[in-house]
PDB file of N, CA and C in Angstrom:
ATOM      1  N   MET A   1      15.033 -18.615  19.693  1.00  0.00           N
ATOM      2  CA  MET A   1      14.192 -19.844  19.813  1.00  0.00           C
ATOM      3  C   MET A   1      13.443 -20.144  18.346  1.00  0.00           C
ATOM      4  N   PHE A   2      13.303 -20.968  17.435  1.00  0.00           N
ATOM      5  CA  PHE A   2      12.673 -21.341  16.219  1.00  0.00           C
ATOM      6  C   PHE A   2      11.125 -21.256  15.836  1.00  0.00           C
ATOM      7  N   TYR A   3      10.813 -20.738  15.074  1.00  0.00           N
ATOM      8  CA  TYR A   3       8.853 -20.845  14.943  1.00  0.00           C
ATOM      9  C   TYR A   3       8.863 -21.720  13.755  1.00  0.00           C
ATOM     10  N   PRO A   4       7.691 -22.380  13.353  1.00  0.00           N
ATOM     11  CA  PRO A   4       7.157 -22.719  12.298  1.00  0.00           C
ATOM     12  C   PRO A   4       6.268 -21.261  11.536  1.00  0.00           C
ATOM     13  N   THR A   5       7.119 -20.849  10.008  1.00  0.00           N
ATOM     14  CA  THR A   5       6.504 -20.416   9.774  1.00  0.00           C
ATOM     15  C   THR A   5       6.003 -20.152   7.869  1.00  0.00           C
ATOM     16  N   PHE A   6       5.310 -19.036   7.430  1.00  0.00           N
ATOM     17  CA  PHE A   6       5.130 -19.366   5.886  1.00  0.00           C
ATOM     18  C   PHE A   6       5.009 -17.834   5.308  1.00  0.00           C
ATOM     19  N   TYR A   7       5.981 -17.855   4.547  1.00  0.00           N
ATOM     20  CA  TYR A   7       5.748 -16.828   3.680  1.00  0.00           C
ATOM     21  C   TYR A   7       4.924 -16.568   2.409  1.00  0.00           C
ATOM     22  N   CYS A   8       4.158 -15.685   2.621  1.00  0.00           N
ATOM     23  CA  CYS A   8       2.868 -15.425   1.842  1.00  0.00           C
ATOM     24  C   CYS A   8       3.943 -14.485   0.419  1.00  0.00           C
ATOM     25  N   ASN A   9       4.075 -15.328  -0.824  1.00  0.00           N
ATOM     26  CA  ASN A   9       4.150 -14.031  -2.218  1.00  0.00           C
ATOM     27  C   ASN A   9       3.120 -13.371  -2.320  1.00  0.00           C
ATOM     28  N   VAL A  10       2.075 -13.365  -2.032  1.00  0.00           N
ATOM     29  CA  VAL A  10       1.511 -12.469  -2.417  1.00  0.00           C
ATOM     30  C   VAL A  10       1.240 -10.530  -1.874  1.00  0.00           C
ATOM     31  N   THR A  11       1.359 -11.248  -0.141  1.00  0.00           N
ATOM     32  CA  THR A  11       1.433  -9.771   0.629  1.00  0.00           C
ATOM     33  C   THR A  11       3.054  -9.776   0.751  1.00  0.00           C
ATOM     34  N   LYS A  12       3.628 -10.597   0.882  1.00  0.00           N
ATOM     35  CA  LYS A  12       5.230 -10.169   1.127  1.00  0.00           C
ATOM     36  C   LYS A  12       5.577 -10.375   2.597  1.00  0.00           C
ATOM     37  N   ILE A  13       4.656 -10.801   3.441  1.00  0.00           N
ATOM     38  CA  ILE A  13       4.445 -11.353   4.963  1.00  0.00           C
ATOM     39  C   ILE A  13       4.874 -12.169   5.019  1.00  0.00           C
ATOM     40  N   ARG A  14       5.838 -12.554   6.264  1.00  0.00           N
ATOM     41  CA  ARG A  14       6.135 -13.934   6.979  1.00  0.00           C
ATOM     42  C   ARG A  14       5.048 -13.803   7.730  1.00  0.00           C
ATOM     43  N   HIS A  15       4.690 -15.099   8.160  1.00  0.00           N
ATOM     44  CA  HIS A  15       3.124 -15.562   9.549  1.00  0.00           C
ATOM     45  C   HIS A  15       4.115 -16.646   9.982  1.00  0.00           C
ATOM     46  N   VAL A  16       3.266 -16.592  11.222  1.00  0.00           N
ATOM     47  CA  VAL A  16       3.869 -17.842  12.212  1.00  0.00           C
ATOM     48  C   VAL A  16       2.297 -19.140  12.050  1.00  0.00           C
ATOM     49  N   VAL A  17       2.744 -19.882  11.361  1.00  0.00           N
ATOM     50  CA  VAL A  17       1.885 -21.257  11.749  1.00  0.00           C
ATOM     51  C   VAL A  17       1.309 -21.623  12.519  1.00  0.00           C
ATOM     52  N   LYS A  18       0.033 -21.398  13.238  1.00  0.00           N
ATOM     53  CA  LYS A  18      -1.079 -21.970  14.600  1.00  0.00           C
ATOM     54  C   LYS A  18      -1.011 -23.485  14.092  1.00  0.00           C
ATOM     55  N   ASP A  19      -2.160 -24.329  13.168  1.00  0.00           N
ATOM     56  CA  ASP A  19      -2.154 -25.405  12.524  1.00  0.00           C
ATOM     57  C   ASP A  19      -2.494 -25.277  11.149  1.00  0.00           C
ATOM     58  N   ARG A  20      -2.942 -26.566  11.061  1.00  0.00           N
ATOM     59  CA  ARG A  20      -3.053 -26.538   9.494  1.00  0.00           C
ATOM     60  C   ARG A  20      -3.761 -25.891   9.028  1.00  0.00           C
ATOM     61  N   TYR A  21      -4.507 -25.038   9.369  1.00  0.00           N
ATOM     62  CA  TYR A  21      -5.422 -24.345   8.757  1.00  0.00           C
ATOM     63  C   TYR A  21      -5.427 -22.934   8.802  1.00  0.00           C
ATOM     64  N   CYS A  22      -4.516 -22.106  10.240  1.00  0.00           N
ATOM     65  CA  CYS A  22      -4.449 -20.704  10.156  1.00  0.00           C
ATOM     66  C   CYS A  22      -2.960 -20.712  10.826  1.00  0.00           C
ATOM     67  N   TYR A  23      -3.102 -19.256  10.870  1.00  0.00           N
ATOM     68  CA  TYR A  23      -1.791 -18.230  11.297  1.00  0.00           C
ATOM     69  C   TYR A  23      -1.909 -17.774  12.813  1.00  0.00           C
ATOM     70  N   GLU A  24      -1.504 -17.527  13.718  1.00  0.00           N
ATOM     71  CA  GLU A  24      -1.204 -17.045  14.773  1.00  0.00           C
ATOM     72  C   GLU A  24      -2.187 -15.819  14.661  1.00  0.00           C
ATOM     73  N   CYS A  25      -2.188 -15.044  13.981  1.00  0.00           N
ATOM     74  CA  CYS A  25      -2.952 -13.848  13.647  1.00  0.00           C
ATOM     75  C   CYS A  25      -4.137 -13.899  13.446  1.00  0.00           C
ATOM     76  N   GLY A  26      -5.000 -15.544  13.165  1.00  0.00           N
ATOM     77  CA  GLY A  26      -5.866 -15.893  12.821  1.00  0.00           C
ATOM     78  C   GLY A  26      -6.623 -15.936  11.572  1.00  0.00           C
ATOM     79  N   GLN A  27      -5.427 -15.321  10.391  1.00  0.00           N
ATOM     80  CA  GLN A  27      -5.787 -15.417   9.446  1.00  0.00           C
ATOM     81  C   GLN A  27      -5.755 -16.914   8.653  1.00  0.00           C
ATOM     82  N   ARG A  28      -6.659 -17.694   7.965  1.00  0.00           N
ATOM     83  CA  ARG A  28      -6.586 -18.900   7.255  1.00  0.00           C
ATOM     84  C   ARG A  28      -5.971 -19.003   5.942  1.00  0.00           C
ATOM     85  N   PHE A  29      -4.720 -19.995   6.054  1.00  0.00           N
ATOM     86  CA  PHE A  29      -4.377 -20.037   4.421  1.00  0.00           C
ATOM     87  C   PHE A  29      -4.628 -21.279   4.495  1.00  0.00           C
ATOM     88  N   ASN A  30      -5.386 -22.459   4.807  1.00  0.00           N
ATOM     89  CA  ASN A  30      -5.077 -23.682   3.937  1.00  0.00           C
ATOM     90  C   ASN A  30      -6.858 -23.892   4.082  1.00  0.00           C
ATOM     91  N   LEU A  31      -7.277 -23.864   2.867  1.00  0.00           N
ATOM     92  CA  LEU A  31      -8.916 -24.205   2.750  1.00  0.00           C
ATOM     93  C   LEU A  31      -9.119 -25.162   2.316  1.00  0.00           C
ATOM     94  N   ASN A  32      -7.795 -25.999   1.837  1.00  0.00           N
ATOM     95  CA  ASN A  32      -8.320 -27.159   1.842  1.00  0.00           C
ATOM     96  C   ASN A  32      -8.218 -28.198   3.107  1.00  0.00           C
ATOM     97  N   TYR A  33      -8.883 -29.570   2.863  1.00  0.00           N
ATOM     98  CA  TYR A  33      -8.503 -30.466   4.485  1.00  0.00           C
ATOM     99  C   TYR A  33      -7.714 -31.475   3.900  1.00  0.00           C
ATOM    100  N   ASP A  34      -7.211 -32.048   2.518  1.00  0.00           N
ATOM    101  CA  ASP A  34      -6.104 -32.325   2.860  1.00  0.00           C
ATOM    102  C   ASP A  34      -5.173 -31.677   2.616  1.00  0.00           C
ATOM    103  N   LEU A  35      -4.102 -31.922   3.321  1.00  0.00           N
ATOM    104  CA  LEU A  35      -2.961 -31.460   3.703  1.00  0.00           C
ATOM    105  C   LEU A  35      -1.842 -31.940   2.916  1.00  0.00           C
ATOM    106  N   LYS A  36      -1.270 -31.792   1.551  1.00  0.00           N
ATOM    107  CA  LYS A  36      -0.401 -32.491   1.059  1.00  0.00           C
ATOM    108  C   LYS A  36       1.309 -32.225   1.491  1.00  0.00           C
ATOM    109  N   LYS A  37       1.835 -32.977   0.828  1.00  0.00           N
ATOM    110  CA  LYS A  37       3.642 -33.035   1.016  1.00  0.00           C
ATOM    111  C   LYS A  37       3.553 -31.327   0.555  1.00  0.00           C
ATOM    112  N   LYS A  38       3.123 -30.955  -0.410  1.00  0.00           N
ATOM    113  CA  LYS A  38       4.260 -29.570  -0.988  1.00  0.00           C
ATOM    114  C   LYS A  38       3.897 -28.515  -0.124  1.00  0.00           C
ATOM    115  N   ASP A  39       2.247 -28.647   0.578  1.00  0.00           N
ATOM    116  CA  ASP A  39       1.874 -27.758   1.777  1.00  0.00           C
ATOM    117  C   ASP A  39       2.935 -27.454   2.773  1.00  0.00           C
ATOM    118  N   LEU A  40       3.149 -28.902   2.882  1.00  0.00           N
ATOM    119  CA  LEU A  40       4.684 -28.918   4.079  1.00  0.00           C
ATOM    120  C   LEU A  40       5.800 -28.208   3.884  1.00  0.00           C
ATOM    121  N   LYS A  41       6.471 -28.411   2.471  1.00  0.00           N
ATOM    122  CA  LYS A  41       7.853 -27.900   2.285  1.00  0.00           C
ATOM    123  C   LYS A  41       7.821 -26.371   1.819  1.00  0.00           C
ATOM    124  N   ASN A  42       6.373 -25.563   2.231  1.00  0.00           N
ATOM    125  CA  ASN A  42       6.573 -24.125   2.177  1.00  0.00           C
ATOM    126  C   ASN A  42       6.783 -23.333   3.429  1.00  0.00           C
ATOM    127  N   ILE A  43       6.959 -24.583   4.840  1.00  0.00           N
ATOM    128  CA  ILE A  43       6.602 -24.242   6.076  1.00  0.00           C
ATOM    129  C   ILE A  43       7.983 -24.181   6.476  1.00  0.00           C
ATOM    130  N   THR A  44       8.724 -22.836   6.932  1.00  0.00           N
ATOM    131  CA  THR A  44      10.079 -22.759   7.235  1.00  0.00           C
ATOM    132  C   THR A  44      10.162 -22.355   8.676  1.00  0.00           C
ATOM    133  N   PHE A  45      10.921 -23.093   9.276  1.00  0.00           N
ATOM    134  CA  PHE A  45      11.559 -22.641  10.639  1.00  0.00           C
ATOM    135  C   PHE A  45      12.307 -21.153  10.999  1.00  0.00           C
ATOM    136  N   LYS A  46      12.102 -20.364  11.579  1.00  0.00           N
ATOM    137  CA  LYS A  46      12.547 -18.854  11.564  1.00  0.00           C
ATOM    138  C   LYS A  46      12.548 -18.836  12.761  1.00  0.00           C
ATOM    139  N   GLN A  47      13.645 -17.320  13.083  1.00  0.00           N
ATOM    140  CA  GLN A  47      13.354 -16.801  14.533  1.00  0.00           C
ATOM    141  C   GLN A  47      12.407 -15.914  14.403  1.00  0.00           C
ATOM    142  N   LEU A  48      12.070 -14.775  16.040  1.00  0.00           N
ATOM    143  CA  LEU A  48      11.075 -14.294  15.755  1.00  0.00           C
ATOM    144  C   LEU A  48      11.435 -12.896  15.340  1.00  0.00           C
ATOM    145  N   GLU A  49      13.205 -12.632  15.241  1.00  0.00           N
ATOM    146  CA  GLU A  49      13.286 -10.934  14.312  1.00  0.00           C
ATOM    147  C   GLU A  49      12.938 -11.494  12.883  1.00  0.00           C
ATOM    148  N   GLU A  50      12.682 -12.341  12.044  1.00  0.00           N
ATOM    149  CA  GLU A  50      12.438 -12.612  10.618  1.00  0.00           C
ATOM    150  C   GLU A  50      10.948 -12.595  10.768  1.00  0.00           C
ATOM    151  N   ILE A  51      10.260 -12.520  11.508  1.00  0.00           N
ATOM    152  CA  ILE A  51       8.792 -12.848  11.537  1.00  0.00           C
ATOM    153  C   ILE A  51       8.116 -11.145  10.700  1.00  0.00           C
ATOM    154  N   THR A  52       7.656 -11.201  10.016  1.00  0.00           N
ATOM    155  CA  THR A  52       7.070  -9.422   9.577  1.00  0.00           C
ATOM    156  C   THR A  52       5.507  -9.400   9.849  1.00  0.00           C
ATOM    157  N   CYS A  53       4.813 -10.195   9.742  1.00  0.00           N
ATOM    158  CA  CYS A  53       3.389 -10.073  10.776  1.00  0.00           C
ATOM    159  C   CYS A  53       3.454  -9.447  12.186  1.00  0.00           C
ATOM    160  N   THR A  54       3.170  -8.344  12.266  1.00  0.00           N
ATOM    161  CA  THR A  54       2.808  -7.813  13.683  1.00  0.00           C
ATOM    162  C   THR A  54       2.000  -8.116  14.410  1.00  0.00           C
ATOM    163  N   LYS A  55       0.768  -8.839  13.824  1.00  0.00           N
ATOM    164  CA  LYS A  55      -0.270  -9.608  15.225  1.00  0.00           C
ATOM    165  C   LYS A  55       0.355 -11.077  15.393  1.00  0.00           C
ATOM    166  N   CYS A  56       0.953 -11.667  14.723  1.00  0.00           N
ATOM    167  CA  CYS A  56       1.677 -13.191  14.562  1.00  0.00           C
ATOM    168  C   CYS A  56       3.129 -12.643  15.364  1.00  0.00           C
ATOM    169  N   LYS A  57       3.495 -11.780  15.417  1.00  0.00           N
ATOM    170  CA  LYS A  57       4.679 -11.370  16.385  1.00  0.00           C
ATOM    171  C   LYS A  57       4.155 -11.485  18.073  1.00  0.00           C
ATOM    172  N   SER A  58       2.972 -10.464  17.570  1.00  0.00           N
ATOM    173  CA  SER A  58       2.588  -9.804  19.221  1.00  0.00           C
ATOM    174  C   SER A  58       1.912 -10.802  20.038  1.00  0.00           C
ATOM    175  N   VAL A  59       1.418 -11.684  19.226  1.00  0.00           N
ATOM    176  CA  VAL A  59       0.480 -13.146  19.911  1.00  0.00           C
ATOM    177  C   VAL A  59       1.679 -14.220  20.608  1.00  0.00           C
ATOM    178  N   LEU A  60       2.898 -14.466  19.778  1.00  0.00           N
ATOM    179  CA  LEU A  60       4.007 -14.722  20.537  1.00  0.00           C
ATOM    180  C   LEU A  60       5.049 -14.350  21.374  1.00  0.00           C
ATOM    181  N   ILE A  61       5.019 -13.061  21.643  1.00  0.00           N
ATOM    182  CA  ILE A  61       5.394 -11.969  22.647  1.00  0.00           C
ATOM    183  C   ILE A  61       4.788 -12.450  23.799  1.00  0.00           C
ATOM    184  N   ASN A  62       3.646 -12.161  23.538  1.00  0.00           N
ATOM    185  CA  ASN A  62       2.728 -12.500  24.388  1.00  0.00           C
ATOM    186  C   ASN A  62       2.633 -13.602  25.414  1.00  0.00           C
ATOM    187  N   THR A  63       2.319 -14.731  24.600  1.00  0.00           N
ATOM    188  CA  THR A  63       2.670 -16.140  24.777  1.00  0.00           C
ATOM    189  C   THR A  63       4.097 -16.193  25.968  1.00  0.00           C
ATOM    190  N   ILE A  64       5.074 -15.849  25.300  1.00  0.00           N
ATOM    191  CA  ILE A  64       6.471 -15.913  26.037  1.00  0.00           C
ATOM    192  C   ILE A  64       6.343 -14.879  27.199  1.00  0.00           C
ATOM    193  N   GLN A  65       5.768 -13.719  27.239  1.00  0.00           N
ATOM    194  CA  GLN A  65       5.803 -13.221  28.401  1.00  0.00           C
ATOM    195  C   GLN A  65       4.773 -13.923  29.419  1.00  0.00           C
ATOM    196  N   LYS A  66       4.138 -14.923  29.728  1.00  0.00           N
ATOM    197  CA  LYS A  66       3.300 -15.113  30.163  1.00  0.00           C
ATOM    198  C   LYS A  66       3.812 -16.246  30.704  1.00  0.00           C
ATOM    199  N   HIS A  67       4.488 -17.351  30.181  1.00  0.00           N
ATOM    200  CA  HIS A  67       5.279 -18.337  30.738  1.00  0.00           C
ATOM    201  C   HIS A  67       6.715 -17.665  31.151  1.00  0.00           C
TER     202      HIS A  67
END
């Protein structure tokens, strides 16, 4: 299954996007209220194995196990 992800160039970690303001791990990434087209271009769809944030990955695994 593919998930919407964002690669942070500063921390070199790939997070799973929860909504337009934060990741699944709870960290905020978009403090602006205006979502621009260039922001959407940075979101790519990757498989679970390619996600490097351990908190985002554990949230997804727990969600999958519940269903």
